[in-house]
Amino acid sequence: MIYCVIPAELEDELFDRLTEYYRDNPNVEVILERRTGPERRHGKASGGKREIRDRRRPRAPGTFLPTDGPIE
């Protein structure tokens, strides 16, 4: 699905024209952006405390036999 988002300022000149243009294409939907107010992303600390972890599997416990290289 493709969304063609039109800003509220351009609704009068673009919405009807783009709706008519994409009328026969079921994969395109023309929508209006209705968000108002300040963006919530700005002015806040992002995400809080972040924990960085090693996601690799821990090594098996115990001791291992020594490995010798190939005999030359």
N, C-alpha and C. Protein backbone atom coordinates (compact mmCIF):
# COMPACT_ATOMS: atom_id res chain seq x y z
N MET A 1 0.85 -1.18 0.00
CA MET A 1 0.00 0.00 0.00
C MET A 1 0.89 1.24 0.00
N ILE A 2 0.56 2.20 -0.82
CA ILE A 2 1.27 3.47 -0.89
C ILE A 2 0.32 4.55 -0.38
N TYR A 3 0.81 5.34 0.58
CA TYR A 3 0.01 6.43 1.13
C TYR A 3 0.56 7.74 0.59
N CYS A 4 -0.30 8.51 -0.03
CA CYS A 4 0.06 9.83 -0.53
C CYS A 4 -0.47 10.82 0.51
N VAL A 5 0.42 11.36 1.34
CA VAL A 5 0.02 12.22 2.45
C VAL A 5 0.10 13.67 1.99
N ILE A 6 -1.01 14.37 2.15
CA ILE A 6 -1.09 15.77 1.74
C ILE A 6 -1.11 16.64 2.99
N PRO A 7 -0.21 17.64 3.07
CA PRO A 7 -0.24 18.55 4.22
C PRO A 7 -1.53 19.36 4.23
N ALA A 8 -1.97 19.76 5.41
CA ALA A 8 -3.23 20.49 5.54
C ALA A 8 -3.21 21.79 4.74
N GLU A 9 -2.04 22.43 4.61
CA GLU A 9 -1.95 23.69 3.88
C GLU A 9 -2.25 23.53 2.38
N LEU A 10 -2.01 22.34 1.84
CA LEU A 10 -2.20 22.10 0.41
C LEU A 10 -3.46 21.30 0.09
N GLU A 11 -4.31 21.12 1.08
CA GLU A 11 -5.50 20.30 0.89
C GLU A 11 -6.39 20.84 -0.23
N ASP A 12 -6.62 22.15 -0.26
CA ASP A 12 -7.55 22.72 -1.25
C ASP A 12 -7.11 22.49 -2.68
N GLU A 13 -5.83 22.59 -2.94
CA GLU A 13 -5.39 22.49 -4.33
C GLU A 13 -4.98 21.07 -4.76
N LEU A 14 -4.66 20.18 -3.80
CA LEU A 14 -4.15 18.86 -4.19
C LEU A 14 -5.08 17.68 -3.92
N PHE A 15 -5.88 17.73 -2.87
CA PHE A 15 -6.62 16.53 -2.45
C PHE A 15 -7.54 16.01 -3.56
N ASP A 16 -8.38 16.86 -4.12
CA ASP A 16 -9.32 16.40 -5.16
C ASP A 16 -8.58 15.94 -6.40
N ARG A 17 -7.53 16.65 -6.76
CA ARG A 17 -6.78 16.31 -7.97
C ARG A 17 -6.08 14.95 -7.83
N LEU A 18 -5.43 14.71 -6.68
CA LEU A 18 -4.72 13.44 -6.49
C LEU A 18 -5.69 12.28 -6.27
N THR A 19 -6.80 12.53 -5.61
CA THR A 19 -7.80 11.48 -5.43
C THR A 19 -8.33 11.01 -6.78
N GLU A 20 -8.58 11.95 -7.66
CA GLU A 20 -9.06 11.60 -9.01
C GLU A 20 -7.97 10.88 -9.80
N TYR A 21 -6.72 11.32 -9.66
CA TYR A 21 -5.62 10.73 -10.41
C TYR A 21 -5.38 9.27 -10.01
N TYR A 22 -5.46 8.98 -8.72
CA TYR A 22 -5.20 7.63 -8.22
C TYR A 22 -6.47 6.81 -8.00
N ARG A 23 -7.59 7.26 -8.52
CA ARG A 23 -8.87 6.58 -8.32
C ARG A 23 -8.84 5.12 -8.76
N ASP A 24 -8.19 4.81 -9.87
CA ASP A 24 -8.20 3.46 -10.43
C ASP A 24 -7.08 2.57 -9.88
N ASN A 25 -6.21 3.12 -9.04
CA ASN A 25 -5.10 2.35 -8.50
C ASN A 25 -5.42 1.93 -7.06
N PRO A 26 -5.72 0.64 -6.83
CA PRO A 26 -6.09 0.21 -5.47
C PRO A 26 -4.91 0.19 -4.49
N ASN A 27 -3.69 0.34 -4.99
CA ASN A 27 -2.52 0.32 -4.10
C ASN A 27 -2.15 1.69 -3.56
N VAL A 28 -2.86 2.73 -3.96
CA VAL A 28 -2.55 4.09 -3.52
C VAL A 28 -3.74 4.66 -2.77
N GLU A 29 -3.48 5.21 -1.59
CA GLU A 29 -4.52 5.86 -0.81
C GLU A 29 -4.07 7.30 -0.52
N VAL A 30 -4.92 8.26 -0.86
CA VAL A 30 -4.62 9.67 -0.63
C VAL A 30 -5.23 10.04 0.72
N ILE A 31 -4.37 10.55 1.63
CA ILE A 31 -4.85 10.93 2.96
C ILE A 31 -4.36 12.32 3.31
N LEU A 32 -5.06 12.96 4.25
CA LEU A 32 -4.69 14.29 4.71
C LEU A 32 -3.95 14.19 6.02
N GLU A 33 -2.92 15.00 6.18
CA GLU A 33 -2.20 15.06 7.44
C GLU A 33 -2.96 15.99 8.37
N ARG A 34 -3.41 15.46 9.47
CA ARG A 34 -4.22 16.26 10.39
C ARG A 34 -3.52 16.48 11.73
N ARG A 35 -2.25 16.14 11.80
CA ARG A 35 -1.52 16.34 13.06
C ARG A 35 -1.33 17.84 13.30
N THR A 36 -1.51 18.23 14.55
CA THR A 36 -1.31 19.62 14.94
C THR A 36 -0.52 19.65 16.24
N GLY A 37 -0.01 20.81 16.57
CA GLY A 37 0.70 20.96 17.82
C GLY A 37 2.19 20.69 17.65
N PRO A 38 2.92 20.88 18.72
CA PRO A 38 4.38 20.68 18.65
C PRO A 38 4.73 19.20 18.52
N GLU A 39 5.88 18.96 17.92
CA GLU A 39 6.35 17.58 17.82
C GLU A 39 6.80 17.10 19.18
N ARG A 40 6.44 15.90 19.53
CA ARG A 40 6.79 15.36 20.84
C ARG A 40 8.23 14.89 20.90
N ARG A 41 8.85 14.69 19.74
CA ARG A 41 10.22 14.18 19.73
C ARG A 41 11.22 15.21 20.22
N HIS A 42 10.95 16.48 20.00
CA HIS A 42 11.91 17.52 20.36
C HIS A 42 11.72 17.93 21.81
N GLY A 43 12.83 18.18 22.48
CA GLY A 43 12.78 18.70 23.83
C GLY A 43 12.81 17.65 24.93
N LYS A 44 12.74 16.40 24.59
CA LYS A 44 12.77 15.34 25.60
C LYS A 44 14.07 14.58 25.50
N ALA A 45 14.48 14.03 26.61
CA ALA A 45 15.61 13.11 26.56
C ALA A 45 15.13 11.83 25.89
N SER A 46 15.93 11.28 25.03
CA SER A 46 15.47 10.13 24.27
C SER A 46 15.60 8.84 25.06
N GLY A 47 14.54 8.10 25.12
CA GLY A 47 14.53 6.73 25.57
C GLY A 47 14.88 6.40 27.00
N GLY A 48 15.37 7.29 27.76
CA GLY A 48 15.72 6.96 29.14
C GLY A 48 17.04 6.23 29.22
N LYS A 49 17.19 5.40 30.23
CA LYS A 49 18.44 4.66 30.42
C LYS A 49 18.49 3.50 29.45
N ARG A 50 19.57 3.42 28.75
CA ARG A 50 19.72 2.36 27.76
C ARG A 50 20.76 1.37 28.25
N GLU A 51 20.41 0.12 28.18
CA GLU A 51 21.32 -0.94 28.61
C GLU A 51 21.91 -1.60 27.39
N ILE A 52 23.21 -1.62 27.31
CA ILE A 52 23.88 -2.27 26.19
C ILE A 52 24.28 -3.67 26.64
N ARG A 53 23.79 -4.66 25.95
CA ARG A 53 24.06 -6.04 26.34
C ARG A 53 24.76 -6.77 25.22
N ASP A 54 25.51 -7.79 25.60
CA ASP A 54 26.13 -8.66 24.63
C ASP A 54 25.14 -9.78 24.35
N ARG A 55 24.66 -9.87 23.15
CA ARG A 55 23.63 -10.85 22.83
C ARG A 55 24.18 -12.20 22.39
N ARG A 56 25.51 -12.28 22.36
CA ARG A 56 26.08 -13.57 21.97
C ARG A 56 25.84 -14.59 23.08
N ARG A 57 25.80 -15.84 22.69
CA ARG A 57 25.63 -16.90 23.66
C ARG A 57 26.82 -16.97 24.59
N PRO A 58 26.60 -17.13 25.90
CA PRO A 58 27.75 -17.22 26.80
C PRO A 58 28.54 -18.50 26.54
N ARG A 59 29.82 -18.44 26.84
CA ARG A 59 30.69 -19.59 26.64
C ARG A 59 30.29 -20.71 27.61
N ALA A 60 30.41 -21.92 27.16
CA ALA A 60 30.06 -23.06 28.00
C ALA A 60 30.99 -23.10 29.22
N PRO A 61 30.45 -23.38 30.39
CA PRO A 61 31.30 -23.43 31.59
C PRO A 61 32.21 -24.66 31.59
N GLY A 62 33.31 -24.54 32.29
CA GLY A 62 34.22 -25.68 32.41
C GLY A 62 35.53 -25.43 31.70
N THR A 63 36.36 -26.47 31.71
CA THR A 63 37.65 -26.36 31.05
C THR A 63 37.63 -27.20 29.79
N PHE A 64 38.50 -26.88 28.87
CA PHE A 64 38.53 -27.57 27.60
C PHE A 64 39.91 -28.17 27.39
N LEU A 65 39.97 -29.25 26.66
CA LEU A 65 41.23 -29.88 26.35
C LEU A 65 42.04 -28.96 25.44
N PRO A 66 43.38 -28.96 25.61
CA PRO A 66 44.17 -28.11 24.71
C PRO A 66 44.14 -28.68 23.31
N THR A 67 44.22 -27.79 22.35
CA THR A 67 44.24 -28.23 20.97
C THR A 67 45.64 -28.02 20.42
N ASP A 68 46.13 -29.00 19.76
CA ASP A 68 47.43 -28.90 19.15
C ASP A 68 47.24 -28.58 17.67
N GLY A 69 48.15 -27.80 17.12
CA GLY A 69 48.11 -27.50 15.71
C GLY A 69 48.47 -28.72 14.89
N PRO A 70 48.38 -28.64 13.58
CA PRO A 70 48.71 -29.78 12.73
C PRO A 70 50.21 -30.13 12.84
N ILE A 71 50.50 -31.40 12.72
CA ILE A 71 51.89 -31.88 12.80
C ILE A 71 52.55 -31.61 11.47
N GLU A 72 53.71 -31.00 11.52
CA GLU A 72 54.41 -30.66 10.28
C GLU A 72 55.48 -31.66 9.95
